Amino acid sequence: MKIKLDENLPASLAAHLADSGHDCDTVIGENLAGRPDHDIWQAVQDSGRFFITQDLDFSDVQELRPGMHHGLMLVCLRNSSRQVLIERLRSVFVNENVSS
């Protein structure tokens, strides 16, 4: 699966997801950090990637209707420490049936 991680997720998560066979890049790695959400979303769509973020600005299902983009995962955990985020997202992409 082609994935892009937002700047609010640990950059090391990209390597963990790549180890599971996913093509993963990051907003930071593409020098998009700090850019407006619209610019980031456009870059995600232009590259045909599934976007993972903790940014609630991407939670508007009226604006980002399912089926109209390459995919979006909004991560909201009570404990969002780096280690918990990495473990939870690795678990999802290793144990769940995800497809490109």
Protein backbone atom coordinates (compact mmCIF):
# COMPACT_ATOMS: atom_id res chain seq x y z
CA MET A 1 0.00 0.00 0.00
CA LYS A 2 1.20 3.52 -0.78
CA ILE A 3 1.08 5.55 2.46
CA LYS A 4 1.96 9.11 3.46
CA LEU A 5 2.43 9.98 7.13
CA ASP A 6 1.58 13.45 8.36
CA GLU A 7 4.14 15.51 10.25
CA ASN A 8 2.33 14.81 13.55
CA LEU A 9 3.31 11.13 13.46
CA PRO A 10 6.74 9.71 14.32
CA ALA A 11 8.93 9.67 11.20
CA SER A 12 10.35 6.31 12.32
CA LEU A 13 6.92 4.79 11.68
CA ALA A 14 7.66 4.98 7.93
CA ALA A 15 10.47 2.43 8.30
CA HIS A 16 8.25 0.12 10.36
CA LEU A 17 5.54 0.22 7.71
CA ALA A 18 8.10 -0.29 4.94
CA ASP A 19 9.33 -3.40 6.80
CA SER A 20 5.76 -4.70 6.48
CA GLY A 21 5.88 -4.25 2.72
CA HIS A 22 4.29 -0.83 2.36
CA ASP A 23 5.59 2.07 0.26
CA CYS A 24 5.64 4.78 2.91
CA ASP A 25 6.76 8.39 2.77
CA THR A 26 6.29 11.36 5.06
CA VAL A 27 5.17 14.98 4.89
CA ILE A 28 8.45 15.94 6.57
CA GLY A 29 10.54 13.92 4.12
CA GLU A 30 8.92 15.75 1.22
CA ASN A 31 9.48 19.20 2.75
CA LEU A 32 5.75 19.78 3.22
CA ALA A 33 5.92 20.34 7.00
CA GLY A 34 4.17 23.51 8.05
CA ARG A 35 2.38 23.89 4.73
CA PRO A 36 -1.39 24.51 4.67
CA ASP A 37 -3.57 21.42 4.96
CA HIS A 38 -4.87 21.97 1.43
CA ASP A 39 -1.32 21.75 0.02
CA ILE A 40 -0.60 18.59 1.97
CA TRP A 41 -3.88 16.98 0.91
CA GLN A 42 -3.19 17.86 -2.72
CA ALA A 43 0.28 16.28 -2.52
CA VAL A 44 -1.24 13.15 -0.98
CA GLN A 45 -3.79 12.88 -3.77
CA ASP A 46 -1.29 13.66 -6.52
CA SER A 47 0.89 10.79 -5.31
CA GLY A 48 -2.08 8.40 -4.91
CA ARG A 49 -1.35 7.67 -1.27
CA PHE A 50 -3.36 6.65 1.77
CA PHE A 51 -2.93 9.46 4.32
CA ILE A 52 -2.46 8.89 8.06
CA THR A 53 -2.74 11.86 10.42
CA GLN A 54 -3.76 13.00 13.90
CA ASP A 55 -4.90 16.38 12.56
CA LEU A 56 -8.62 16.81 13.24
CA ASP A 57 -8.80 19.32 10.38
CA PHE A 58 -8.98 16.22 8.15
CA SER A 59 -12.08 14.88 9.93
CA ASP A 60 -14.73 16.67 7.85
CA VAL A 61 -16.46 13.83 5.97
CA GLN A 62 -18.51 16.34 3.99
CA GLU A 63 -15.35 17.80 2.50
CA LEU A 64 -13.35 14.54 2.35
CA ARG A 65 -16.09 12.11 1.33
CA PRO A 66 -15.13 8.42 1.37
CA GLY A 67 -14.60 7.07 -2.12
CA MET A 68 -13.46 10.44 -3.44
CA HIS A 69 -9.77 10.07 -2.48
CA HIS A 70 -7.07 7.46 -1.96
CA GLY A 71 -7.85 6.90 1.72
CA LEU A 72 -7.52 8.58 5.06
CA MET A 73 -6.91 7.34 8.58
CA LEU A 74 -7.46 9.79 11.40
CA VAL A 75 -5.67 8.50 14.50
CA CYS A 76 -7.13 9.58 17.86
CA LEU A 77 -5.65 7.72 20.82
CA ARG A 78 -5.97 8.59 24.50
CA ASN A 79 -2.27 7.98 24.89
CA SER A 80 -0.57 9.30 21.79
CA SER A 81 3.04 8.90 22.88
CA ARG A 82 5.46 8.07 20.09
CA GLN A 83 5.81 4.46 21.18
CA VAL A 84 2.05 3.90 21.51
CA LEU A 85 1.42 5.43 18.08
CA ILE A 86 4.08 3.25 16.47
CA GLU A 87 2.85 0.07 18.15
CA ARG A 88 -0.81 0.71 17.34
CA LEU A 89 -0.27 1.62 13.69
CA ARG A 90 2.18 -1.23 13.13
CA SER A 91 -0.42 -3.56 14.58
CA VAL A 92 -3.12 -2.29 12.24
CA PHE A 93 -0.98 -2.68 9.13
CA VAL A 94 0.43 -6.06 10.14
CA ASN A 95 -2.69 -7.72 11.55
CA GLU A 96 -5.55 -6.24 9.53
CA ASN A 97 -6.45 -6.94 5.93
CA VAL A 98 -5.21 -3.81 4.21
CA SER A 99 -4.85 -3.59 0.48
CA SER A 100 -3.60 -1.10 -2.04
